[in-house]
Amino acid sequence: MTTCGQCGATSEGCEVLFERLLALDHSRRPPWGPLHGLAVACFFLQHPAHPLAPRGNHERAWAFLHAYLAGGQRALDVATRAARAAGSNRQVRSRAEEVPMPERPAPTVFATTIADVAVDGTFPASGYEARIRRWAEDIVAAWTSEPT
């Protein structure tokens, strides 16, 4: 077991868990597949130094969290489509993108981490949606609290 310097999780390793979660996400089976964008956003907001994380630009991930928390799966789907359209040079924005990303250093302590969402390392389907919602809520809380 290791302690992650970016999120504070004590687990077999956040990278290992993230790869395991991506495999489930890419199966496109519920409950993991439909929440892929949210899971990636949560992970990158907790691990901004990850090699695949967008450098210094977490607004899209922040928008995905806010879309999901405000409107559930349907709002996340709208935000995802808007992000894809923007990537194809069409300027489409979702309402969630209007929530500004806090300008502060990334937090390093979170109430919920990928290790909590993984439970026993397998990301069990039962309760997954509730765990990922709590992960998103706790990331927003950590990013919007005063830095320590």
N, C-alpha and C. Protein backbone atom coordinates (compact mmCIF):
# COMPACT_ATOMS: atom_id res chain seq x y z
N MET A 1 0.83 -1.18 0.00
CA MET A 1 0.00 0.00 0.00
C MET A 1 0.88 1.25 0.00
N THR A 2 0.44 2.20 -0.80
CA THR A 2 1.16 3.47 -0.87
C THR A 2 0.20 4.61 -0.59
N THR A 3 0.75 5.76 -0.24
CA THR A 3 -0.05 6.97 -0.06
C THR A 3 0.25 7.89 -1.22
N CYS A 4 -0.80 8.31 -1.90
CA CYS A 4 -0.65 9.17 -3.07
C CYS A 4 -0.36 10.61 -2.62
N GLY A 5 0.68 11.20 -3.20
CA GLY A 5 1.04 12.58 -2.88
C GLY A 5 0.10 13.61 -3.49
N GLN A 6 -0.72 13.20 -4.44
CA GLN A 6 -1.63 14.16 -5.09
C GLN A 6 -3.02 14.18 -4.46
N CYS A 7 -3.52 13.01 -4.03
CA CYS A 7 -4.89 12.98 -3.49
C CYS A 7 -4.96 12.50 -2.05
N GLY A 8 -3.89 11.88 -1.56
CA GLY A 8 -3.88 11.40 -0.18
C GLY A 8 -4.41 9.99 0.00
N ALA A 9 -4.82 9.33 -1.08
CA ALA A 9 -5.37 7.96 -0.98
C ALA A 9 -4.29 6.99 -0.54
N THR A 10 -4.70 6.04 0.27
CA THR A 10 -3.84 4.92 0.63
C THR A 10 -4.43 3.71 -0.08
N SER A 11 -3.68 3.21 -1.04
CA SER A 11 -4.19 2.11 -1.87
C SER A 11 -3.04 1.39 -2.54
N GLU A 12 -3.39 0.50 -3.45
CA GLU A 12 -2.37 -0.19 -4.23
C GLU A 12 -1.75 0.74 -5.27
N GLY A 13 -2.28 1.92 -5.40
CA GLY A 13 -1.77 2.92 -6.32
C GLY A 13 -2.88 3.50 -7.18
N CYS A 14 -2.96 4.81 -7.21
CA CYS A 14 -4.03 5.47 -7.96
C CYS A 14 -3.95 5.16 -9.45
N GLU A 15 -2.76 5.08 -10.00
CA GLU A 15 -2.60 4.78 -11.42
C GLU A 15 -3.15 3.39 -11.76
N VAL A 16 -2.86 2.42 -10.91
CA VAL A 16 -3.38 1.06 -11.11
C VAL A 16 -4.90 1.06 -11.08
N LEU A 17 -5.46 1.76 -10.11
CA LEU A 17 -6.92 1.83 -10.00
C LEU A 17 -7.52 2.56 -11.19
N PHE A 18 -6.88 3.63 -11.64
CA PHE A 18 -7.39 4.39 -12.78
C PHE A 18 -7.40 3.52 -14.04
N GLU A 19 -6.34 2.78 -14.28
CA GLU A 19 -6.30 1.88 -15.44
C GLU A 19 -7.40 0.83 -15.37
N ARG A 20 -7.64 0.31 -14.18
CA ARG A 20 -8.70 -0.68 -13.98
C ARG A 20 -10.08 -0.05 -14.27
N LEU A 21 -10.27 1.18 -13.79
CA LEU A 21 -11.53 1.88 -14.03
C LEU A 21 -11.72 2.19 -15.51
N LEU A 22 -10.66 2.60 -16.19
CA LEU A 22 -10.77 2.88 -17.63
C LEU A 22 -11.17 1.63 -18.40
N ALA A 23 -10.66 0.48 -18.01
CA ALA A 23 -11.05 -0.76 -18.68
C ALA A 23 -12.55 -1.01 -18.52
N LEU A 24 -13.07 -0.76 -17.33
CA LEU A 24 -14.52 -0.91 -17.12
C LEU A 24 -15.29 0.14 -17.92
N ASP A 25 -14.81 1.39 -17.89
CA ASP A 25 -15.45 2.47 -18.65
C ASP A 25 -15.55 2.13 -20.12
N HIS A 26 -14.47 1.63 -20.68
CA HIS A 26 -14.42 1.36 -22.12
C HIS A 26 -15.22 0.12 -22.53
N SER A 27 -15.71 -0.62 -21.54
CA SER A 27 -16.61 -1.73 -21.85
C SER A 27 -17.97 -1.18 -22.29
N ARG A 28 -18.20 0.09 -21.97
CA ARG A 28 -19.45 0.81 -22.29
C ARG A 28 -20.67 0.22 -21.59
N ARG A 29 -20.44 -0.65 -20.64
CA ARG A 29 -21.55 -1.23 -19.88
C ARG A 29 -21.87 -0.33 -18.69
N PRO A 30 -23.17 -0.20 -18.37
CA PRO A 30 -23.54 0.52 -17.15
C PRO A 30 -23.07 -0.28 -15.93
N PRO A 31 -22.74 0.32 -14.85
CA PRO A 31 -22.83 1.75 -14.60
C PRO A 31 -21.57 2.53 -14.99
N TRP A 32 -20.51 1.83 -15.40
CA TRP A 32 -19.22 2.50 -15.63
C TRP A 32 -19.20 3.30 -16.92
N GLY A 33 -19.54 2.71 -18.03
CA GLY A 33 -19.43 3.35 -19.34
C GLY A 33 -20.09 4.71 -19.44
N PRO A 34 -21.35 4.85 -19.03
CA PRO A 34 -22.01 6.15 -19.15
C PRO A 34 -21.37 7.25 -18.31
N LEU A 35 -20.62 6.86 -17.29
CA LEU A 35 -20.00 7.85 -16.40
C LEU A 35 -18.51 8.04 -16.67
N HIS A 36 -18.05 7.58 -17.82
CA HIS A 36 -16.63 7.66 -18.16
C HIS A 36 -16.09 9.10 -18.06
N GLY A 37 -16.78 10.05 -18.67
CA GLY A 37 -16.31 11.44 -18.65
C GLY A 37 -16.20 11.98 -17.24
N LEU A 38 -17.15 11.62 -16.40
CA LEU A 38 -17.13 12.07 -15.01
C LEU A 38 -15.96 11.43 -14.25
N ALA A 39 -15.75 10.14 -14.45
CA ALA A 39 -14.66 9.45 -13.77
C ALA A 39 -13.30 10.03 -14.15
N VAL A 40 -13.10 10.29 -15.43
CA VAL A 40 -11.83 10.87 -15.89
C VAL A 40 -11.67 12.28 -15.32
N ALA A 41 -12.75 13.06 -15.33
CA ALA A 41 -12.69 14.41 -14.78
C ALA A 41 -12.32 14.38 -13.30
N CYS A 42 -12.95 13.50 -12.55
CA CYS A 42 -12.63 13.38 -11.12
C CYS A 42 -11.16 13.02 -10.92
N PHE A 43 -10.70 12.04 -11.67
CA PHE A 43 -9.32 11.59 -11.50
C PHE A 43 -8.33 12.72 -11.81
N PHE A 44 -8.54 13.42 -12.92
CA PHE A 44 -7.58 14.47 -13.31
C PHE A 44 -7.62 15.66 -12.37
N LEU A 45 -8.78 15.98 -11.79
CA LEU A 45 -8.84 17.08 -10.83
C LEU A 45 -8.14 16.71 -9.53
N GLN A 46 -8.03 15.42 -9.23
CA GLN A 46 -7.28 14.99 -8.06
C GLN A 46 -5.81 14.68 -8.38
N HIS A 47 -5.53 14.48 -9.65
CA HIS A 47 -4.16 14.11 -10.08
C HIS A 47 -3.72 15.01 -11.23
N PRO A 48 -3.60 16.32 -10.97
CA PRO A 48 -3.27 17.25 -12.06
C PRO A 48 -1.88 17.03 -12.66
N ALA A 49 -1.02 16.30 -11.98
CA ALA A 49 0.31 16.03 -12.52
C ALA A 49 0.36 14.74 -13.34
N HIS A 50 -0.77 14.05 -13.47
CA HIS A 50 -0.81 12.82 -14.27
C HIS A 50 -0.39 13.15 -15.70
N PRO A 51 0.38 12.29 -16.35
CA PRO A 51 0.87 12.58 -17.71
C PRO A 51 -0.24 12.87 -18.73
N LEU A 52 -1.42 12.32 -18.54
CA LEU A 52 -2.51 12.55 -19.50
C LEU A 52 -3.41 13.72 -19.11
N ALA A 53 -3.23 14.27 -17.92
CA ALA A 53 -4.07 15.39 -17.47
C ALA A 53 -3.73 16.64 -18.28
N PRO A 54 -4.75 17.40 -18.64
CA PRO A 54 -4.49 18.64 -19.39
C PRO A 54 -3.71 19.62 -18.51
N ARG A 55 -2.60 20.08 -18.98
CA ARG A 55 -1.72 20.95 -18.21
C ARG A 55 -2.35 22.32 -17.97
N GLY A 56 -2.64 22.61 -16.71
CA GLY A 56 -3.12 23.92 -16.33
C GLY A 56 -4.49 24.27 -16.89
N ASN A 57 -5.20 23.30 -17.45
CA ASN A 57 -6.50 23.58 -18.04
C ASN A 57 -7.49 22.50 -17.61
N HIS A 58 -8.10 22.74 -16.48
CA HIS A 58 -9.03 21.76 -15.93
C HIS A 58 -10.48 22.22 -16.03
N GLU A 59 -10.72 23.27 -16.82
CA GLU A 59 -12.07 23.82 -16.92
C GLU A 59 -13.08 22.79 -17.44
N ARG A 60 -12.70 21.99 -18.42
CA ARG A 60 -13.62 21.00 -18.96
C ARG A 60 -13.97 19.96 -17.90
N ALA A 61 -12.98 19.49 -17.17
CA ALA A 61 -13.24 18.52 -16.10
C ALA A 61 -14.15 19.14 -15.04
N TRP A 62 -13.89 20.39 -14.70
CA TRP A 62 -14.70 21.11 -13.72
C TRP A 62 -16.14 21.23 -14.23
N ALA A 63 -16.30 21.53 -15.50
CA ALA A 63 -17.63 21.64 -16.10
C ALA A 63 -18.37 20.31 -16.06
N PHE A 64 -17.66 19.20 -16.30
CA PHE A 64 -18.30 17.89 -16.26
C PHE A 64 -18.83 17.59 -14.85
N LEU A 65 -18.03 17.90 -13.82
CA LEU A 65 -18.49 17.67 -12.46
C LEU A 65 -19.75 18.48 -12.17
N HIS A 66 -19.72 19.75 -12.54
CA HIS A 66 -20.87 20.62 -12.26
C HIS A 66 -22.09 20.21 -13.06
N ALA A 67 -21.89 19.79 -14.28
CA ALA A 67 -23.03 19.34 -15.09
C ALA A 67 -23.68 18.13 -14.43
N TYR A 68 -22.89 17.16 -14.05
CA TYR A 68 -23.44 15.95 -13.45
C TYR A 68 -24.11 16.26 -12.11
N LEU A 69 -23.47 17.05 -11.28
CA LEU A 69 -24.04 17.35 -9.97
C LEU A 69 -25.33 18.16 -10.07
N ALA A 70 -25.43 18.99 -11.09
CA ALA A 70 -26.63 19.81 -11.27
C ALA A 70 -27.76 19.06 -11.96
N GLY A 71 -27.43 18.17 -12.89
CA GLY A 71 -28.48 17.57 -13.70
C GLY A 71 -28.35 16.09 -13.98
N GLY A 72 -27.45 15.40 -13.31
CA GLY A 72 -27.32 13.97 -13.48
C GLY A 72 -26.78 13.55 -14.84
N GLN A 73 -27.12 12.33 -15.22
CA GLN A 73 -26.60 11.72 -16.45
C GLN A 73 -26.95 12.54 -17.69
N ARG A 74 -28.18 13.01 -17.77
CA ARG A 74 -28.59 13.77 -18.95
C ARG A 74 -27.73 15.03 -19.13
N ALA A 75 -27.48 15.75 -18.06
CA ALA A 75 -26.66 16.96 -18.14
C ALA A 75 -25.21 16.62 -18.48
N LEU A 76 -24.71 15.50 -17.94
CA LEU A 76 -23.35 15.07 -18.28
C LEU A 76 -23.26 14.75 -19.76
N ASP A 77 -24.28 14.09 -20.31
CA ASP A 77 -24.30 13.77 -21.74
C ASP A 77 -24.27 15.05 -22.59
N VAL A 78 -25.03 16.07 -22.18
CA VAL A 78 -25.05 17.35 -22.90
C VAL A 78 -23.66 17.99 -22.85
N ALA A 79 -23.04 18.00 -21.68
CA ALA A 79 -21.70 18.58 -21.54
C ALA A 79 -20.68 17.83 -22.38
N THR A 80 -20.81 16.50 -22.43
CA THR A 80 -19.90 15.68 -23.22
C THR A 80 -20.05 16.00 -24.71
N ARG A 81 -21.29 16.10 -25.18
CA ARG A 81 -21.53 16.45 -26.58
C ARG A 81 -20.98 17.85 -26.89
N ALA A 82 -21.17 18.78 -25.97
CA ALA A 82 -20.66 20.14 -26.17
C ALA A 82 -19.13 20.13 -26.26
N ALA A 83 -18.49 19.32 -25.42
CA ALA A 83 -17.03 19.24 -25.44
C ALA A 83 -16.54 18.64 -26.75
N ARG A 84 -17.23 17.62 -27.22
CA ARG A 84 -16.84 17.01 -28.51
C ARG A 84 -17.03 18.01 -29.65
N ALA A 85 -18.13 18.73 -29.62
CA ALA A 85 -18.39 19.72 -30.67
C ALA A 85 -17.34 20.82 -30.63
N ALA A 86 -16.97 21.27 -29.45
CA ALA A 86 -15.94 22.30 -29.33
C ALA A 86 -14.61 21.79 -29.85
N GLY A 87 -14.36 20.49 -29.64
CA GLY A 87 -13.13 19.88 -30.14
C GLY A 87 -13.10 19.80 -31.65
N SER A 88 -14.27 19.87 -32.27
CA SER A 88 -14.32 19.83 -33.73
C SER A 88 -14.48 21.24 -34.31
N ASN A 89 -14.09 22.24 -33.51
CA ASN A 89 -14.08 23.65 -33.90
C ASN A 89 -15.46 24.30 -33.99
N ARG A 90 -16.50 23.63 -33.56
CA ARG A 90 -17.80 24.28 -33.45
C ARG A 90 -17.90 24.80 -32.03
N GLN A 91 -18.22 26.04 -31.88
CA GLN A 91 -18.28 26.65 -30.56
C GLN A 91 -19.64 26.38 -29.92
N VAL A 92 -19.69 25.33 -29.13
CA VAL A 92 -20.89 24.97 -28.38
C VAL A 92 -20.47 24.87 -26.93
N ARG A 93 -21.20 25.53 -26.06
CA ARG A 93 -20.87 25.50 -24.64
C ARG A 93 -22.07 25.00 -23.86
N SER A 94 -21.81 24.24 -22.84
CA SER A 94 -22.89 23.83 -21.95
C SER A 94 -22.98 24.85 -20.81
N ARG A 95 -24.12 24.90 -20.16
CA ARG A 95 -24.31 25.83 -19.04
C ARG A 95 -23.31 25.55 -17.92
N ALA A 96 -22.92 24.30 -17.76
CA ALA A 96 -21.98 23.95 -16.69
C ALA A 96 -20.62 24.60 -16.90
N GLU A 97 -20.26 24.90 -18.13
CA GLU A 97 -18.97 25.53 -18.39
C GLU A 97 -18.92 26.97 -17.89
N GLU A 98 -20.06 27.49 -17.48
CA GLU A 98 -20.12 28.86 -16.97
C GLU A 98 -19.70 28.93 -15.51
N VAL A 99 -19.50 27.79 -14.84
CA VAL A 99 -19.05 27.77 -13.45
C VAL A 99 -17.53 27.89 -13.47
N PRO A 100 -16.99 29.02 -13.01
CA PRO A 100 -15.54 29.21 -13.12
C PRO A 100 -14.75 28.26 -12.21
N MET A 101 -13.64 27.81 -12.76
CA MET A 101 -12.71 26.96 -12.02
C MET A 101 -12.00 27.83 -10.98
N PRO A 102 -11.93 27.40 -9.73
CA PRO A 102 -11.22 28.20 -8.72
C PRO A 102 -9.75 28.41 -9.11
N GLU A 103 -9.27 29.59 -8.89
CA GLU A 103 -7.86 29.89 -9.17
C GLU A 103 -7.10 29.71 -7.87
N ARG A 104 -6.56 28.54 -7.71
CA ARG A 104 -5.82 28.19 -6.50
C ARG A 104 -4.98 26.96 -6.79
N PRO A 105 -4.01 26.68 -5.95
CA PRO A 105 -3.25 25.44 -6.12
C PRO A 105 -4.17 24.24 -5.92
N ALA A 106 -3.87 23.16 -6.59
CA ALA A 106 -4.67 21.94 -6.45
C ALA A 106 -4.61 21.44 -5.02
N PRO A 107 -5.77 21.07 -4.46
CA PRO A 107 -5.76 20.48 -3.12
C PRO A 107 -5.00 19.14 -3.14
N THR A 108 -4.55 18.71 -1.99
CA THR A 108 -3.85 17.41 -1.90
C THR A 108 -4.51 16.48 -0.90
N VAL A 109 -5.63 16.93 -0.32
CA VAL A 109 -6.39 16.11 0.62
C VAL A 109 -7.85 16.15 0.19
N PHE A 110 -8.44 14.98 0.04
CA PHE A 110 -9.83 14.86 -0.40
C PHE A 110 -10.56 13.88 0.50
N ALA A 111 -11.83 14.14 0.75
CA ALA A 111 -12.64 13.24 1.58
C ALA A 111 -12.91 11.92 0.86
N THR A 112 -12.98 11.95 -0.47
CA THR A 112 -13.21 10.75 -1.27
C THR A 112 -12.18 10.70 -2.39
N THR A 113 -11.60 9.54 -2.59
CA THR A 113 -10.60 9.35 -3.65
C THR A 113 -11.00 8.16 -4.52
N ILE A 114 -10.22 7.92 -5.54
CA ILE A 114 -10.48 6.77 -6.41
C ILE A 114 -10.45 5.46 -5.61
N ALA A 115 -9.65 5.41 -4.55
CA ALA A 115 -9.60 4.20 -3.72
C ALA A 115 -10.96 3.95 -3.06
N ASP A 116 -11.66 5.00 -2.66
CA ASP A 116 -12.99 4.84 -2.06
C ASP A 116 -14.00 4.37 -3.10
N VAL A 117 -13.89 4.90 -4.31
CA VAL A 117 -14.81 4.51 -5.38
C VAL A 117 -14.55 3.06 -5.78
N ALA A 118 -13.30 2.64 -5.71
CA ALA A 118 -12.93 1.26 -6.08
C ALA A 118 -13.38 0.23 -5.05
N VAL A 119 -13.63 0.66 -3.82
CA VAL A 119 -14.01 -0.20 -2.69
C VAL A 119 -12.92 -1.23 -2.41
N ASP A 120 -12.98 -2.35 -3.08
CA ASP A 120 -12.02 -3.43 -2.87
C ASP A 120 -11.05 -3.54 -4.05
N GLY A 121 -11.01 -2.50 -4.87
CA GLY A 121 -10.15 -2.50 -6.05
C GLY A 121 -10.85 -2.93 -7.32
N THR A 122 -12.13 -3.32 -7.22
CA THR A 122 -12.84 -3.85 -8.39
C THR A 122 -13.94 -2.93 -8.92
N PHE A 123 -14.19 -1.80 -8.26
CA PHE A 123 -15.25 -0.87 -8.67
C PHE A 123 -16.58 -1.61 -8.83
N PRO A 124 -17.08 -2.24 -7.75
CA PRO A 124 -18.32 -3.01 -7.88
C PRO A 124 -19.47 -2.15 -8.41
N ALA A 125 -20.30 -2.78 -9.24
CA ALA A 125 -21.43 -2.07 -9.85
C ALA A 125 -22.41 -1.58 -8.79
N SER A 126 -22.66 -2.39 -7.80
CA SER A 126 -23.60 -2.00 -6.75
C SER A 126 -23.08 -0.78 -6.00
N GLY A 127 -23.83 0.30 -6.08
CA GLY A 127 -23.45 1.53 -5.39
C GLY A 127 -22.46 2.41 -6.13
N TYR A 128 -22.05 2.00 -7.33
CA TYR A 128 -21.04 2.76 -8.06
C TYR A 128 -21.49 4.20 -8.32
N GLU A 129 -22.70 4.38 -8.78
CA GLU A 129 -23.16 5.74 -9.10
C GLU A 129 -23.16 6.64 -7.87
N ALA A 130 -23.56 6.12 -6.73
CA ALA A 130 -23.53 6.91 -5.50
C ALA A 130 -22.10 7.24 -5.09
N ARG A 131 -21.20 6.28 -5.26
CA ARG A 131 -19.79 6.53 -4.89
C ARG A 131 -19.15 7.57 -5.80
N ILE A 132 -19.45 7.52 -7.10
CA ILE A 132 -18.83 8.48 -8.01
C ILE A 132 -19.44 9.87 -7.81
N ARG A 133 -20.73 9.94 -7.46
CA ARG A 133 -21.35 11.23 -7.14
C ARG A 133 -20.67 11.83 -5.90
N ARG A 134 -20.46 11.02 -4.88
CA ARG A 134 -19.79 11.51 -3.67
C ARG A 134 -18.37 11.97 -4.00
N TRP A 135 -17.69 11.24 -4.89
CA TRP A 135 -16.34 11.63 -5.31
C TRP A 135 -16.38 13.02 -5.94
N ALA A 136 -17.31 13.23 -6.86
CA ALA A 136 -17.43 14.53 -7.52
C ALA A 136 -17.78 15.63 -6.51
N GLU A 137 -18.71 15.36 -5.62
CA GLU A 137 -19.09 16.37 -4.61
C GLU A 137 -17.91 16.74 -3.73
N ASP A 138 -17.15 15.74 -3.31
CA ASP A 138 -16.01 16.01 -2.43
C ASP A 138 -14.87 16.72 -3.14
N ILE A 139 -14.72 16.48 -4.44
CA ILE A 139 -13.70 17.21 -5.20
C ILE A 139 -14.09 18.68 -5.29
N VAL A 140 -15.35 18.96 -5.59
CA VAL A 140 -15.82 20.35 -5.64
C VAL A 140 -15.61 21.02 -4.29
N ALA A 141 -15.95 20.32 -3.21
CA ALA A 141 -15.78 20.87 -1.86
C ALA A 141 -14.31 21.19 -1.58
N ALA A 142 -13.42 20.29 -1.95
CA ALA A 142 -11.99 20.50 -1.70
C ALA A 142 -11.46 21.67 -2.52
N TRP A 143 -11.87 21.77 -3.78
CA TRP A 143 -11.37 22.83 -4.65
C TRP A 143 -11.94 24.20 -4.26
N THR A 144 -13.13 24.23 -3.65
CA THR A 144 -13.74 25.52 -3.33
C THR A 144 -13.49 25.95 -1.88
N SER A 145 -12.89 25.09 -1.07
CA SER A 145 -12.55 25.49 0.30
C SER A 145 -11.27 26.32 0.28
N GLU A 146 -11.04 27.01 1.32
CA GLU A 146 -9.83 27.82 1.42
C GLU A 146 -8.59 26.92 1.49
N PRO A 147 -7.56 27.25 0.68
CA PRO A 147 -6.33 26.45 0.74
C PRO A 147 -5.71 26.52 2.13
N THR A 148 -5.13 25.39 2.54
CA THR A 148 -4.48 25.36 3.86
C THR A 148 -3.00 25.54 3.75
